[in-house]
Amino acid sequence: MPSAPGECDLAVVGAGILGLAVARELTRRHPERSAVVLERADAVATGQTGRNSGVIHAGIYYAPGSLKARMCVAGARELYAYCEQREIPFERCGKAIVARNETELPRLDELERRGRENGVPGLRRLSPAQLREVEPHCRGVAALHSPATGIVDFAAVARSLAEELETNGVPVVTGCAVEGVEPRAGRIALRHSGGEARARFAVFCAGAGSDRLAVKAGASPDPRIVPFRGAYVYLRPERRELVRALIYPVPDPSLPFLGVHLSRHIDGEVSLGPTALLAPRHPRDLTWPGTWRMARRWWRTGLTEIRHLVSRKALATAAAEYVPAIRPEDLGGGFAGVRAQALGRDGKLVDDFVVSETERALHVRNAPSPAATSSLALARLIADRADGRAVP
């Protein structure tokens, strides 16, 4: 296993899909510069990258003009091309966003408007009969169908990026937790579990640890990362035929979560979920003013999420609003997901990608979904920002 160098031109902290994409983009632009990727875990892609539904989003949900909208549409296109080039299995399976009743139609109209303004390809409105053609077991009064939405194993993409880097002489050092950050004359020092790496410039793509490391480098504590844990439950193999591809609800526009959905994975599994429950890492997460302000505002939503987590009957009932044939006994095993979500001091969940600066460093302060979809395009934007700093 490679070890971290004592000196380098560029250090990227975090070996999720975004950190690896950033390292790839910067070292392709500047092959003459020495670089390293430092990762706390013992393998790449163990955080958000490897614990999600594996959906390549098309860009429907996001406010036109936002970073999420711009990066998702471009990123999906680039990700498909990358998977083809590297022979990583993927499928453009399509997604149906389903309105259960007439009251959800205005929100579906808004999603369609956003999707068209964002340039999502192939978007079309479905009647109930057309919805049954796409998803025979699904029911709703209308739906929005996105044929450009797909599925992939994002961890496989991350492993491919890491392989590319190492082939080009860029070590990806796992089991190397960065615990301290200190600006030095002409350098930024990263104290890690194996010693210290001194870089001319650093990019932090540290997921749930991004706020802590940004503060150590001199950034504001606002926003704070407050992780959410999401539980996914699988349909039993004999019931997978109930879902052909992806079935999503019309989301609450005031929350950056998409609600309980039904997803076919690239390995053939079909999952229900995720729940979205606050998962504090440290007591200080609970003393952050934004945590309590958020809790006061969304306590009813929190109770619903708890019911979905502790009761398979409640989760199956929620899924049956879209696929009536689903019963609690159809649910089998599952897995836990994670979302590193930025939360402001005012209690508002940050609903866009956030990249901030400190001396000799860039910090990705908020990169939840669709960051994996957007990773190649977002890496290009981050690299542009790094080049604009004229270092290293």
Foldseek 3Di string as FASTA:
>chain_A
DDDFDQEWAEEEEALELQSLLLVVVQCVVPVVTAYAYEYQAQDGNPAQLQFDQQKLDQQQQDAPPFPSLQLSNVLLVVVVVVCVVVVFDKDLLKEKAAALDDVCVVLQVVSVVRCVSSPRPPKDKAAQVRVCVSQVQWGHRIIIMRSSMMGGRSVVVSVVSQVVCVVSPHYHHYNWAFDAWDDDVQWIWTQTPVGIHTHNFYEYPPFQCQLVHCVRLPDDSPFHWWKWKWWKWWFPPVPLSNGRAKYFYSADSQDLDGFWIWGQHSVGIIITDTQTGTDGPDVVVVVQQLVVLLCVVCVVSNVLSVCVVPDLQSSQVVHCSTRVVGGSVRIDGTDMHMAGWITGSNNGTDNGWDWDDGVRYITGNHQGPPCSSSSNVVSVVVSVVNVVVVGD
